C-alpha atoms as a PDB file:
ATOM      1  CA  MET A   1      17.030  48.735-162.802  1.00  0.00           C
ATOM      2  CA  ASN A   2      18.241  48.817-158.862  1.00  0.00           C
ATOM      3  CA  ASN A   3      21.416  47.064-158.454  1.00  0.00           C
ATOM      4  CA  VAL A   4      20.568  45.278-155.102  1.00  0.00           C
ATOM      5  CA  ARG A   5      23.827  44.296-152.829  1.00  0.00           C
ATOM      6  CA  ALA A   6      23.136  40.888-150.961  1.00  0.00           C
ATOM      7  CA  ILE A   7      24.368  41.332-147.391  1.00  0.00           C
ATOM      8  CA  ASP A   8      25.850  38.357-145.960  1.00  0.00           C
ATOM      9  CA  LEU A   9      24.918  37.627-142.250  1.00  0.00           C
ATOM     10  CA  ARG A  10      26.641  34.458-141.970  1.00  0.00           C
ATOM     11  CA  LEU A  11      29.319  34.477-139.130  1.00  0.00           C
ATOM     12  CA  THR A  12      32.877  33.405-140.228  1.00  0.00           C
ATOM     13  CA  PRO A  13      34.410  30.063-139.567  1.00  0.00           C
ATOM     14  CA  ILE A  14      36.326  31.254-136.334  1.00  0.00           C
ATOM     15  CA  ASN A  15      32.974  33.399-134.824  1.00  0.00           C
ATOM     16  CA  ARG A  16      31.360  30.184-135.840  1.00  0.00           C
ATOM     17  CA  ARG A  17      33.390  28.012-133.809  1.00  0.00           C
ATOM     18  CA  ARG A  18      33.609  30.603-130.884  1.00  0.00           C
ATOM     19  CA  LEU A  19      29.576  30.548-130.705  1.00  0.00           C
ATOM     20  CA  ASP A  20      29.420  27.013-130.802  1.00  0.00           C
ATOM     21  CA  ASN A  21      32.104  26.698-128.209  1.00  0.00           C
ATOM     22  CA  PHE A  22      29.921  29.576-125.669  1.00  0.00           C
ATOM     23  CA  LYS A  23      26.805  27.417-126.413  1.00  0.00           C
ATOM     24  CA  ALA A  24      28.708  24.179-125.345  1.00  0.00           C
ATOM     25  CA  ASN A  25      29.166  25.586-122.211  1.00  0.00           C
ATOM     26  CA  ARG A  26      25.656  24.877-120.726  1.00  0.00           C
ATOM     27  CA  ARG A  27      26.440  26.736-117.581  1.00  0.00           C
ATOM     28  CA  GLY A  28      27.471  29.831-119.062  1.00  0.00           C
ATOM     29  CA  TYR A  29      24.907  29.625-122.264  1.00  0.00           C
ATOM     30  CA  TRP A  30      21.908  29.605-119.591  1.00  0.00           C
ATOM     31  CA  SER A  31      23.667  31.958-117.027  1.00  0.00           C
ATOM     32  CA  LEU A  32      23.326  34.616-119.759  1.00  0.00           C
ATOM     33  CA  TRP A  33      19.841  33.797-120.836  1.00  0.00           C
ATOM     34  CA  ILE A  34      18.874  33.843-116.939  1.00  0.00           C
ATOM     35  CA  PHE A  35      20.863  37.370-116.436  1.00  0.00           C
ATOM     36  CA  LEU A  36      19.452  38.834-119.739  1.00  0.00           C
ATOM     37  CA  VAL A  37      15.691  37.888-118.642  1.00  0.00           C
ATOM     38  CA  ILE A  38      15.996  39.085-115.376  1.00  0.00           C
ATOM     39  CA  PHE A  39      17.868  42.262-115.958  1.00  0.00           C
ATOM     40  CA  ILE A  40      15.057  42.928-119.232  1.00  0.00           C
ATOM     41  CA  LEU A  41      12.464  42.756-116.397  1.00  0.00           C
ATOM     42  CA  SER A  42      14.263  44.946-114.157  1.00  0.00           C
ATOM     43  CA  ILE A  43      14.120  47.603-117.102  1.00  0.00           C
ATOM     44  CA  PHE A  44      10.404  47.381-116.981  1.00  0.00           C
ATOM     45  CA  ALA A  45      10.228  47.762-112.879  1.00  0.00           C
ATOM     46  CA  GLU A  46       7.928  50.487-113.010  1.00  0.00           C
ATOM     47  CA  PHE A  47       5.101  48.283-114.911  1.00  0.00           C
ATOM     48  CA  ILE A  48       6.100  45.229-111.932  1.00  0.00           C
ATOM     49  CA  ALA A  49       6.417  47.196-108.811  1.00  0.00           C
ATOM     50  CA  ASN A  50       4.814  50.873-108.540  1.00  0.00           C
ATOM     51  CA  ASP A  51       2.217  52.431-106.279  1.00  0.00           C
ATOM     52  CA  LYS A  52       0.456  53.857-109.010  1.00  0.00           C
ATOM     53  CA  PRO A  53      -2.066  52.166-111.525  1.00  0.00           C
ATOM     54  CA  LEU A  54      -0.839  50.822-114.775  1.00  0.00           C
ATOM     55  CA  LEU A  55      -4.278  51.878-116.700  1.00  0.00           C
ATOM     56  CA  ILE A  56      -7.478  53.717-115.261  1.00  0.00           C
ATOM     57  CA  ARG A  57     -10.698  54.236-116.822  1.00  0.00           C
ATOM     58  CA  TYR A  58     -12.771  56.670-115.340  1.00  0.00           C
ATOM     59  CA  ASP A  59     -15.837  58.049-116.768  1.00  0.00           C
ATOM     60  CA  GLY A  60     -15.421  56.733-120.186  1.00  0.00           C
ATOM     61  CA  HIS A  61     -11.721  58.217-120.489  1.00  0.00           C
ATOM     62  CA  TYR A  62      -8.512  56.146-120.016  1.00  0.00           C
ATOM     63  CA  PHE A  63      -5.701  57.356-118.055  1.00  0.00           C
ATOM     64  CA  THR A  64      -2.039  55.963-117.796  1.00  0.00           C
ATOM     65  CA  PRO A  65      -0.782  57.322-114.485  1.00  0.00           C
ATOM     66  CA  VAL A  66       2.659  55.675-114.622  1.00  0.00           C
ATOM     67  CA  PHE A  67       3.369  57.929-117.768  1.00  0.00           C
ATOM     68  CA  VAL A  68       1.510  60.989-116.981  1.00  0.00           C
ATOM     69  CA  SER A  69       0.784  62.887-113.361  1.00  0.00           C
ATOM     70  CA  TYR A  70      -2.897  63.613-112.663  1.00  0.00           C
ATOM     71  CA  PRO A  71      -4.273  65.537-109.911  1.00  0.00           C
ATOM     72  CA  GLU A  72      -7.245  64.570-107.639  1.00  0.00           C
ATOM     73  CA  THR A  73      -9.708  66.410-109.212  1.00  0.00           C
ATOM     74  CA  VAL A  74      -9.653  64.226-112.472  1.00  0.00           C
ATOM     75  CA  PHE A  75     -11.146  61.689-110.484  1.00  0.00           C
ATOM     76  CA  GLY A  76     -13.722  63.880-108.607  1.00  0.00           C
ATOM     77  CA  GLY A  77     -11.922  64.914-105.383  1.00  0.00           C
ATOM     78  CA  ASP A  78     -10.720  67.793-103.614  1.00  0.00           C
ATOM     79  CA  PHE A  79      -7.144  68.480-104.143  1.00  0.00           C
ATOM     80  CA  GLU A  80      -4.926  69.713-107.137  1.00  0.00           C
ATOM     81  CA  THR A  81      -1.902  67.664-106.415  1.00  0.00           C
ATOM     82  CA  GLU A  82      -1.389  64.485-107.537  1.00  0.00           C
ATOM     83  CA  ALA A  83      -4.022  61.793-106.556  1.00  0.00           C
ATOM     84  CA  GLU A  84      -2.696  59.168-104.057  1.00  0.00           C
ATOM     85  CA  TYR A  85      -3.720  56.163-105.660  1.00  0.00           C
ATOM     86  CA  GLY A  86      -3.111  54.477-102.393  1.00  0.00           C
ATOM     87  CA  ASP A  87      -5.709  56.427-100.388  1.00  0.00           C
ATOM     88  CA  PRO A  88      -8.758  54.555 -99.929  1.00  0.00           C
ATOM     89  CA  GLU A  89     -10.992  57.395-100.751  1.00  0.00           C
ATOM     90  CA  VAL A  90      -9.300  57.917-104.190  1.00  0.00           C
ATOM     91  CA  GLN A  91     -10.011  54.276-104.943  1.00  0.00           C
ATOM     92  CA  GLU A  92     -13.628  54.652-103.935  1.00  0.00           C
ATOM     93  CA  LEU A  93     -14.000  57.634-106.184  1.00  0.00           C
ATOM     94  CA  ILE A  94     -12.400  55.660-109.289  1.00  0.00           C
ATOM     95  CA  ARG A  95     -14.518  52.782-108.819  1.00  0.00           C
ATOM     96  CA  GLU A  96     -17.684  54.548-108.553  1.00  0.00           C
ATOM     97  CA  LYS A  97     -16.966  55.593-112.226  1.00  0.00           C
ATOM     98  CA  GLY A  98     -14.629  53.238-113.525  1.00  0.00           C
ATOM     99  CA  TRP A  99     -11.749  50.637-112.912  1.00  0.00           C
ATOM    100  CA  MET A 100      -8.019  50.339-112.110  1.00  0.00           C
ATOM    101  CA  LEU A 101      -5.155  47.817-113.325  1.00  0.00           C
ATOM    102  CA  TRP A 102      -2.510  47.495-110.971  1.00  0.00           C
ATOM    103  CA  PRO A 103       0.817  45.817-111.253  1.00  0.00           C
ATOM    104  CA  PRO A 104       1.652  42.735-109.644  1.00  0.00           C
ATOM    105  CA  ILE A 105       3.463  44.295-106.703  1.00  0.00           C
ATOM    106  CA  ARG A 106       1.851  47.809-105.534  1.00  0.00           C
ATOM    107  CA  TYR A 107       4.381  49.311-104.202  1.00  0.00           C
ATOM    108  CA  SER A 108       7.514  51.152-105.581  1.00  0.00           C
ATOM    109  CA  TYR A 109      10.759  51.631-104.124  1.00  0.00           C
ATOM    110  CA  ASP A 110      10.128  54.473-102.250  1.00  0.00           C
ATOM    111  CA  THR A 111       6.899  53.982-101.131  1.00  0.00           C
ATOM    112  CA  ILE A 112       6.100  53.818 -97.368  1.00  0.00           C
ATOM    113  CA  VAL A 113       3.682  51.000 -96.371  1.00  0.00           C
ATOM    114  CA  PHE A 114       1.379  52.226 -93.098  1.00  0.00           C
ATOM    115  CA  ASP A 115      -0.877  49.510 -92.823  1.00  0.00           C
ATOM    116  CA  LEU A 116       1.683  47.182 -91.237  1.00  0.00           C
ATOM    117  CA  PRO A 117       0.808  44.136 -89.018  1.00  0.00           C
ATOM    118  CA  THR A 118       3.817  44.772 -87.006  1.00  0.00           C
ATOM    119  CA  PRO A 119       6.115  47.713 -86.678  1.00  0.00           C
ATOM    120  CA  ALA A 120       8.937  48.410 -89.273  1.00  0.00           C
ATOM    121  CA  PRO A 121      11.082  46.385 -90.218  1.00  0.00           C
ATOM    122  CA  SER A 122       7.807  44.099 -90.685  1.00  0.00           C
ATOM    123  CA  PRO A 123       7.957  40.361 -91.605  1.00  0.00           C
ATOM    124  CA  PRO A 124       6.857  38.624 -95.058  1.00  0.00           C
ATOM    125  CA  THR A 125       3.344  38.757 -95.586  1.00  0.00           C
ATOM    126  CA  LEU A 126       1.051  38.012 -98.478  1.00  0.00           C
ATOM    127  CA  GLN A 127       0.863  41.861 -98.924  1.00  0.00           C
ATOM    128  CA  ASN A 128       4.874  42.367 -98.585  1.00  0.00           C
ATOM    129  CA  TRP A 129       6.415  39.032-100.006  1.00  0.00           C
ATOM    130  CA  LEU A 130       9.945  39.591 -98.334  1.00  0.00           C
ATOM    131  CA  GLY A 131       8.654  42.124 -95.720  1.00  0.00           C
ATOM    132  CA  THR A 132       9.732  45.623 -95.298  1.00  0.00           C
ATOM    133  CA  ASP A 133      12.610  47.425 -94.431  1.00  0.00           C
ATOM    134  CA  ASP A 134      13.011  49.716 -91.307  1.00  0.00           C
ATOM    135  CA  GLN A 135      11.249  52.553 -92.667  1.00  0.00           C
ATOM    136  CA  GLY A 136       8.586  50.631 -94.087  1.00  0.00           C
ATOM    137  CA  ARG A 137       9.269  50.341 -97.499  1.00  0.00           C
ATOM    138  CA  ASP A 138       8.516  47.294 -99.530  1.00  0.00           C
ATOM    139  CA  VAL A 139      11.704  44.823-100.038  1.00  0.00           C
ATOM    140  CA  VAL A 140      10.816  43.527-103.056  1.00  0.00           C
ATOM    141  CA  ALA A 141      10.040  46.536-104.961  1.00  0.00           C
ATOM    142  CA  ARG A 142      13.527  47.508-103.412  1.00  0.00           C
ATOM    143  CA  LEU A 143      15.227  44.470-104.592  1.00  0.00           C
ATOM    144  CA  ILE A 144      13.922  45.093-108.100  1.00  0.00           C
ATOM    145  CA  TYR A 145      14.803  48.729-108.333  1.00  0.00           C
ATOM    146  CA  GLY A 146      17.928  48.262-106.865  1.00  0.00           C
ATOM    147  CA  PHE A 147      18.767  45.262-109.364  1.00  0.00           C
ATOM    148  CA  ARG A 148      18.307  47.697-112.448  1.00  0.00           C
ATOM    149  CA  ILE A 149      20.143  50.503-110.898  1.00  0.00           C
ATOM    150  CA  SER A 150      23.067  48.353-109.801  1.00  0.00           C
ATOM    151  CA  VAL A 151      23.713  46.875-113.251  1.00  0.00           C
ATOM    152  CA  VAL A 152      23.081  49.864-115.393  1.00  0.00           C
ATOM    153  CA  PHE A 153      25.905  51.556-113.188  1.00  0.00           C
ATOM    154  CA  GLY A 154      28.043  48.957-113.829  1.00  0.00           C
ATOM    155  CA  ILE A 155      27.436  48.552-117.612  1.00  0.00           C
ATOM    156  CA  VAL A 156      27.913  52.331-118.048  1.00  0.00           C
ATOM    157  CA  LEU A 157      30.861  52.023-115.973  1.00  0.00           C
ATOM    158  CA  THR A 158      32.028  48.880-117.732  1.00  0.00           C
ATOM    159  CA  VAL A 159      31.450  50.715-121.337  1.00  0.00           C
ATOM    160  CA  PHE A 160      33.579  53.585-120.222  1.00  0.00           C
ATOM    161  CA  SER A 161      36.131  52.283-118.899  1.00  0.00           C
ATOM    162  CA  THR A 162      36.866  49.580-121.771  1.00  0.00           C
ATOM    163  CA  VAL A 163      36.681  52.722-124.183  1.00  0.00           C
ATOM    164  CA  ILE A 164      39.136  54.592-122.101  1.00  0.00           C
ATOM    165  CA  GLY A 165      41.663  51.678-121.157  1.00  0.00           C
ATOM    166  CA  ILE A 166      41.591  50.206-124.692  1.00  0.00           C
ATOM    167  CA  SER A 167      42.480  53.592-126.161  1.00  0.00           C
ATOM    168  CA  ALA A 168      45.396  53.915-123.262  1.00  0.00           C
ATOM    169  CA  GLY A 169      47.024  50.497-124.058  1.00  0.00           C
ATOM    170  CA  ALA A 170      46.393  50.854-127.754  1.00  0.00           C
ATOM    171  CA  TRP A 171      48.523  54.272-127.435  1.00  0.00           C
ATOM    172  CA  GLN A 172      51.277  52.689-125.338  1.00  0.00           C
ATOM    173  CA  GLY A 173      51.631  49.895-126.756  1.00  0.00           C
ATOM    174  CA  TYR A 174      51.613  51.149-130.374  1.00  0.00           C
ATOM    175  CA  PHE A 175      54.068  53.832-129.959  1.00  0.00           C
ATOM    176  CA  GLY A 176      56.152  52.587-127.057  1.00  0.00           C
ATOM    177  CA  GLY A 177      59.401  54.600-126.507  1.00  0.00           C
ATOM    178  CA  LYS A 178      58.973  57.387-124.055  1.00  0.00           C
ATOM    179  CA  VAL A 179      55.303  57.476-124.435  1.00  0.00           C
ATOM    180  CA  ASP A 180      55.220  53.865-122.528  1.00  0.00           C
ATOM    181  CA  LEU A 181      57.831  54.470-120.442  1.00  0.00           C
ATOM    182  CA  PHE A 182      55.900  57.906-118.980  1.00  0.00           C
ATOM    183  CA  PHE A 183      52.458  56.296-119.212  1.00  0.00           C
ATOM    184  CA  GLN A 184      53.716  53.352-116.999  1.00  0.00           C
ATOM    185  CA  ARG A 185      55.308  55.640-114.612  1.00  0.00           C
ATOM    186  CA  PHE A 186      52.040  57.644-114.135  1.00  0.00           C
ATOM    187  CA  MET A 187      50.039  54.175-114.306  1.00  0.00           C
ATOM    188  CA  GLU A 188      52.103  52.965-111.183  1.00  0.00           C
ATOM    189  CA  ILE A 189      51.674  56.068-109.319  1.00  0.00           C
ATOM    190  CA  TRP A 190      48.049  56.294-110.087  1.00  0.00           C
ATOM    191  CA  SER A 191      47.285  52.638-109.217  1.00  0.00           C
ATOM    192  CA  GLY A 192      49.265  52.849-106.003  1.00  0.00           C
ATOM    193  CA  LEU A 193      46.675  55.166-104.526  1.00  0.00           C
ATOM    194  CA  PRO A 194      44.064  53.294-102.041  1.00  0.00           C
ATOM    195  CA  LEU A 195      41.018  53.211-104.445  1.00  0.00           C
ATOM    196  CA  LEU A 196      38.456  52.326-101.812  1.00  0.00           C
ATOM    197  CA  PHE A 197      39.616  55.544 -99.470  1.00  0.00           C
ATOM    198  CA  MET A 198      40.125  57.659-102.441  1.00  0.00           C
ATOM    199  CA  LEU A 199      36.240  57.079-103.470  1.00  0.00           C
ATOM    200  CA  ILE A 200      35.518  57.629 -99.681  1.00  0.00           C
ATOM    201  CA  ILE A 201      37.095  60.835 -99.719  1.00  0.00           C
ATOM    202  CA  LEU A 202      36.009  62.238-103.509  1.00  0.00           C
ATOM    203  CA  SER A 203      32.447  61.322-102.302  1.00  0.00           C
ATOM    204  CA  SER A 204      32.704  63.809 -99.438  1.00  0.00           C
ATOM    205  CA  PHE A 205      33.596  66.591-101.526  1.00  0.00           C
ATOM    206  CA  PHE A 206      30.687  65.989-104.048  1.00  0.00           C
ATOM    207  CA  ILE A 207      26.763  65.676-103.580  1.00  0.00           C
ATOM    208  CA  PRO A 208      26.307  62.366-103.939  1.00  0.00           C
ATOM    209  CA  GLY A 209      24.729  61.008-107.189  1.00  0.00           C
ATOM    210  CA  PHE A 210      24.616  58.505-109.935  1.00  0.00           C
ATOM    211  CA  PHE A 211      26.663  60.506-112.544  1.00  0.00           C
ATOM    212  CA  THR A 212      29.251  61.783-109.557  1.00  0.00           C
ATOM    213  CA  LEU A 213      29.662  58.267-108.576  1.00  0.00           C
ATOM    214  CA  LEU A 214      30.399  57.230-111.845  1.00  0.00           C
ATOM    215  CA  PHE A 215      32.836  60.271-112.961  1.00  0.00           C
ATOM    216  CA  ILE A 216      34.607  59.347-109.748  1.00  0.00           C
ATOM    217  CA  MET A 217      34.753  55.459-110.206  1.00  0.00           C
ATOM    218  CA  LEU A 218      35.746  56.177-113.893  1.00  0.00           C
ATOM    219  CA  LEU A 219      38.825  57.724-112.310  1.00  0.00           C
ATOM    220  CA  PHE A 220      40.512  54.621-111.140  1.00  0.00           C
ATOM    221  CA  SER A 221      38.447  51.666-113.108  1.00  0.00           C
ATOM    222  CA  TRP A 222      39.703  52.416-116.391  1.00  0.00           C
ATOM    223  CA  MET A 223      43.302  50.819-115.790  1.00  0.00           C
ATOM    224  CA  GLY A 224      42.083  47.102-115.541  1.00  0.00           C
ATOM    225  CA  LEU A 225      42.320  46.620-119.259  1.00  0.00           C
ATOM    226  CA  VAL A 226      45.750  48.733-120.189  1.00  0.00           C
ATOM    227  CA  GLY A 227      47.772  46.126-119.561  1.00  0.00           C
ATOM    228  CA  VAL A 228      46.269  43.839-121.750  1.00  0.00           C
ATOM    229  CA  VAL A 229      45.746  45.872-124.392  1.00  0.00           C
ATOM    230  CA  ARG A 230      49.338  47.332-124.554  1.00  0.00           C
ATOM    231  CA  ALA A 231      50.829  43.547-124.385  1.00  0.00           C
ATOM    232  CA  GLU A 232      48.661  42.873-127.482  1.00  0.00           C
ATOM    233  CA  PHE A 233      49.901  45.909-129.433  1.00  0.00           C
ATOM    234  CA  LEU A 234      53.656  45.716-128.408  1.00  0.00           C
ATOM    235  CA  ARG A 235      53.479  41.857-129.682  1.00  0.00           C
ATOM    236  CA  GLY A 236      51.446  42.587-132.775  1.00  0.00           C
ATOM    237  CA  ARG A 237      53.255  46.138-133.809  1.00  0.00           C
ATOM    238  CA  ASN A 238      56.324  44.488-135.281  1.00  0.00           C
ATOM    239  CA  PHE A 239      54.088  41.916-137.215  1.00  0.00           C
ATOM    240  CA  THR A 240      55.150  41.468-140.888  1.00  0.00           C
ATOM    241  CA  TYR A 241      51.675  42.621-142.465  1.00  0.00           C
ATOM    242  CA  ILE A 242      51.775  45.861-139.843  1.00  0.00           C
ATOM    243  CA  LEU A 243      55.514  46.700-141.061  1.00  0.00           C
ATOM    244  CA  ALA A 244      54.186  46.291-144.704  1.00  0.00           C
ATOM    245  CA  ALA A 245      51.030  48.553-143.902  1.00  0.00           C
ATOM    246  CA  ARG A 246      53.612  51.294-142.422  1.00  0.00           C
ATOM    247  CA  ALA A 247      55.797  51.237-145.674  1.00  0.00           C
ATOM    248  CA  LEU A 248      52.604  51.738-147.627  1.00  0.00           C
ATOM    249  CA  GLY A 249      51.962  54.886-145.871  1.00  0.00           C
ATOM    250  CA  VAL A 250      48.621  53.414-143.946  1.00  0.00           C
ATOM    251  CA  SER A 251      47.797  55.922-141.142  1.00  0.00           C
ATOM    252  CA  ASN A 252      48.750  54.939-137.472  1.00  0.00           C
ATOM    253  CA  ARG A 253      45.098  55.384-136.871  1.00  0.00           C
ATOM    254  CA  THR A 254      44.183  52.866-139.363  1.00  0.00           C
ATOM    255  CA  ILE A 255      46.727  50.282-138.272  1.00  0.00           C
ATOM    256  CA  MET A 256      45.856  50.675-134.754  1.00  0.00           C
ATOM    257  CA  PHE A 257      42.241  50.475-134.658  1.00  0.00           C
ATOM    258  CA  LYS A 258      41.486  48.370-138.035  1.00  0.00           C
ATOM    259  CA  HIS A 259      44.679  45.996-137.773  1.00  0.00           C
ATOM    260  CA  LEU A 260      45.831  45.323-134.590  1.00  0.00           C
ATOM    261  CA  LEU A 261      42.597  46.286-132.138  1.00  0.00           C
ATOM    262  CA  PRO A 262      40.597  43.040-133.236  1.00  0.00           C
ATOM    263  CA  ASN A 263      43.391  40.820-131.919  1.00  0.00           C
ATOM    264  CA  ALA A 264      43.146  42.892-128.682  1.00  0.00           C
ATOM    265  CA  MET A 265      39.337  42.465-128.304  1.00  0.00           C
ATOM    266  CA  VAL A 266      39.644  38.861-127.892  1.00  0.00           C
ATOM    267  CA  ALA A 267      41.300  39.195-124.413  1.00  0.00           C
ATOM    268  CA  THR A 268      39.711  42.463-123.647  1.00  0.00           C
ATOM    269  CA  ILE A 269      36.038  40.743-124.242  1.00  0.00           C
ATOM    270  CA  THR A 270      36.902  38.163-121.679  1.00  0.00           C
ATOM    271  CA  PHE A 271      37.385  40.779-119.005  1.00  0.00           C
ATOM    272  CA  LEU A 272      34.041  42.326-119.395  1.00  0.00           C
ATOM    273  CA  PRO A 273      31.840  40.408-117.350  1.00  0.00           C
ATOM    274  CA  PHE A 274      34.426  40.252-114.479  1.00  0.00           C
ATOM    275  CA  ASN A 275      34.780  44.128-114.540  1.00  0.00           C
ATOM    276  CA  LEU A 276      30.817  44.421-114.674  1.00  0.00           C
ATOM    277  CA  SER A 277      30.595  42.538-111.586  1.00  0.00           C
ATOM    278  CA  GLY A 278      33.491  44.111-109.965  1.00  0.00           C
ATOM    279  CA  ALA A 279      31.896  47.832-110.579  1.00  0.00           C
ATOM    280  CA  ILE A 280      28.533  46.089-109.065  1.00  0.00           C
ATOM    281  CA  VAL A 281      30.082  45.041-106.051  1.00  0.00           C
ATOM    282  CA  VAL A 282      32.202  48.462-105.740  1.00  0.00           C
ATOM    283  CA  LEU A 283      29.052  50.481-106.074  1.00  0.00           C
ATOM    284  CA  THR A 284      27.105  48.131-103.668  1.00  0.00           C
ATOM    285  CA  SER A 285      30.234  48.652-101.231  1.00  0.00           C
ATOM    286  CA  LEU A 286      29.719  52.514-100.992  1.00  0.00           C
ATOM    287  CA  ASP A 287      26.451  52.165-100.407  1.00  0.00           C
ATOM    288  CA  PHE A 288      27.087  49.848 -97.825  1.00  0.00           C
ATOM    289  CA  ILE A 289      29.405  52.444 -95.843  1.00  0.00           C
ATOM    290  CA  GLY A 290      26.936  55.469 -96.532  1.00  0.00           C
ATOM    291  CA  PHE A 291      29.170  56.986 -99.505  1.00  0.00           C
ATOM    292  CA  GLY A 292      27.191  55.659-102.326  1.00  0.00           C
ATOM    293  CA  LEU A 293      23.814  56.809-104.050  1.00  0.00           C
ATOM    294  CA  PRO A 294      21.581  59.092-102.188  1.00  0.00           C
ATOM    295  CA  PRO A 295      19.364  58.525 -99.239  1.00  0.00           C
ATOM    296  CA  GLY A 296      16.193  56.879-100.333  1.00  0.00           C
ATOM    297  CA  SER A 297      17.782  55.543-103.215  1.00  0.00           C
ATOM    298  CA  ALA A 298      17.170  51.953-104.560  1.00  0.00           C
ATOM    299  CA  SER A 299      20.433  50.640-103.465  1.00  0.00           C
ATOM    300  CA  LEU A 300      21.218  47.113-102.631  1.00  0.00           C
ATOM    301  CA  GLY A 301      23.960  48.171-100.249  1.00  0.00           C
ATOM    302  CA  GLU A 302      21.636  49.992 -98.117  1.00  0.00           C
ATOM    303  CA  LEU A 303      19.660  46.960 -97.842  1.00  0.00           C
ATOM    304  CA  LEU A 304      22.646  45.260 -96.702  1.00  0.00           C
ATOM    305  CA  ASN A 305      23.651  47.525 -94.249  1.00  0.00           C
ATOM    306  CA  GLN A 306      19.838  47.491 -93.002  1.00  0.00           C
ATOM    307  CA  GLY A 307      19.848  43.968 -92.716  1.00  0.00           C
ATOM    308  CA  LYS A 308      23.243  44.417 -90.175  1.00  0.00           C
ATOM    309  CA  ALA A 309      21.677  46.876 -88.084  1.00  0.00           C
ATOM    310  CA  ASN A 310      18.602  45.001 -87.701  1.00  0.00           C
ATOM    311  CA  LEU A 311      19.649  41.254 -87.078  1.00  0.00           C
ATOM    312  CA  GLN A 312      15.722  40.842 -85.669  1.00  0.00           C
ATOM    313  CA  ALA A 313      14.933  41.187 -89.050  1.00  0.00           C
ATOM    314  CA  PRO A 314      16.816  38.346 -91.464  1.00  0.00           C
ATOM    315  CA  TRP A 315      14.743  39.081 -94.414  1.00  0.00           C
ATOM    316  CA  LEU A 316      16.644  42.123 -95.122  1.00  0.00           C
ATOM    317  CA  GLY A 317      20.036  40.822 -95.505  1.00  0.00           C
ATOM    318  CA  ILE A 318      19.120  37.359 -96.549  1.00  0.00           C
ATOM    319  CA  SER A 319      17.053  38.497 -99.901  1.00  0.00           C
ATOM    320  CA  THR A 320      19.821  40.687-100.386  1.00  0.00           C
ATOM    321  CA  PHE A 321      22.446  38.708-100.355  1.00  0.00           C
ATOM    322  CA  VAL A 322      20.644  35.835-102.106  1.00  0.00           C
ATOM    323  CA  LEU A 323      20.025  38.451-104.980  1.00  0.00           C
ATOM    324  CA  MET A 324      23.826  39.743-105.019  1.00  0.00           C
ATOM    325  CA  SER A 325      25.075  35.954-105.148  1.00  0.00           C
ATOM    326  CA  VAL A 326      22.866  34.501-108.144  1.00  0.00           C
ATOM    327  CA  MET A 327      23.881  38.097-109.915  1.00  0.00           C
ATOM    328  CA  LEU A 328      27.652  38.060-109.076  1.00  0.00           C
ATOM    329  CA  SER A 329      27.083  34.101-109.880  1.00  0.00           C
ATOM    330  CA  LEU A 330      25.803  34.272-113.332  1.00  0.00           C
ATOM    331  CA  LEU A 331      28.291  36.732-114.584  1.00  0.00           C
ATOM    332  CA  VAL A 332      31.209  34.910-113.506  1.00  0.00           C
ATOM    333  CA  PHE A 333      29.660  31.730-115.188  1.00  0.00           C
ATOM    334  CA  ILE A 334      29.116  34.300-118.488  1.00  0.00           C
ATOM    335  CA  GLY A 335      32.903  35.373-118.042  1.00  0.00           C
ATOM    336  CA  GLU A 336      34.240  31.594-117.496  1.00  0.00           C
ATOM    337  CA  ALA A 337      32.151  30.635-120.927  1.00  0.00           C
ATOM    338  CA  ALA A 338      33.350  33.649-122.870  1.00  0.00           C
ATOM    339  CA  ARG A 339      36.869  32.852-121.687  1.00  0.00           C
ATOM    340  CA  ASP A 340      36.698  29.410-122.980  1.00  0.00           C
ATOM    341  CA  ALA A 341      34.920  30.196-126.389  1.00  0.00           C
ATOM    342  CA  LEU A 342      37.791  32.965-127.090  1.00  0.00           C
ATOM    343  CA  ASP A 343      40.418  30.569-126.497  1.00  0.00           C
ATOM    344  CA  PRO A 344      41.689  28.483-129.535  1.00  0.00           C
ATOM    345  CA  ARG A 345      43.151  25.978-127.210  1.00  0.00           C
ATOM    346  CA  LYS A 346      39.507  25.116-125.926  1.00  0.00           C
ATOM    347  CA  THR A 347      37.463  22.434-127.798  1.00  0.00           C
ATOM    348  CA  PHE A 348      34.245  21.386-126.429  1.00  0.00           C
ATOM    349  CA  ARG A 349      32.291  18.494-127.959  1.00  0.00           C
ATOM    350  CA  THR A 350      28.430  19.358-128.214  1.00  0.00           C
END
């Protein structure tokens, strides 16, 4: 007879109180849900805004252009290159023997719209809900893809910088002495460098790209959490139970990451939404001044720059500004709710 161990998934009383406090902050609680819904929808941007059909039925067979590239000859055309599904001739070939299922927005972030009513940037129409940019690309599609890449970049940067910052702060605070002294002097010098100018200089030496920018920004963004974690480890390393664990021969690694780190994580988690919003703002700023993602990428900063350069097309700047404002406001509200939920002095009544 196999022994089945029951897993208790119930929250501890303190975590239950924190969760209840977070839910009691209605603004932060609903901001979290709204942000998650928008972000999850943007993850599937290819199914919302794309210049390729989601599904094609042609001559009794099904095709998925979103996942697979098909030559035009598959649908009775003359060219071996990938089919241009926006071409009226290709559409007519497919309709003769089947049908196409399109996403709600028939443009990707790099699709150039040729049949515009006015020269680009064109104003909003039923075809282009928020108009087009100065290169004839649909603004709604670029906002969706730009939101996704901005949030993904911010999340990845926040995760890596948090891991490095927690490790550095834990090492400093736990060992103290010369380790703490020399590391603090290094951080004072490193943090004294002008961040934006260093990012601009380094970006000019490297080919711009997602991972290149991530690496460059990671060189500076990890310092934000070092002070908080260091203070918690300095305070906790002389607690009685820590001294007892040392006397019993428990390894430094176990003491640091099993006994001291949970205390430091309370303060660390509070900063994460604010760090995420800061990373998004920095990426947008670099894109705005031309030192961010490669030209043609789905970039919110580029749209803002186009809005500045095309004052006669206010829909460019206004739409991007509204999206950035809503996104950053939601993250700030989430951070405030998390801060209050983790604060033992805060008590909410539901």
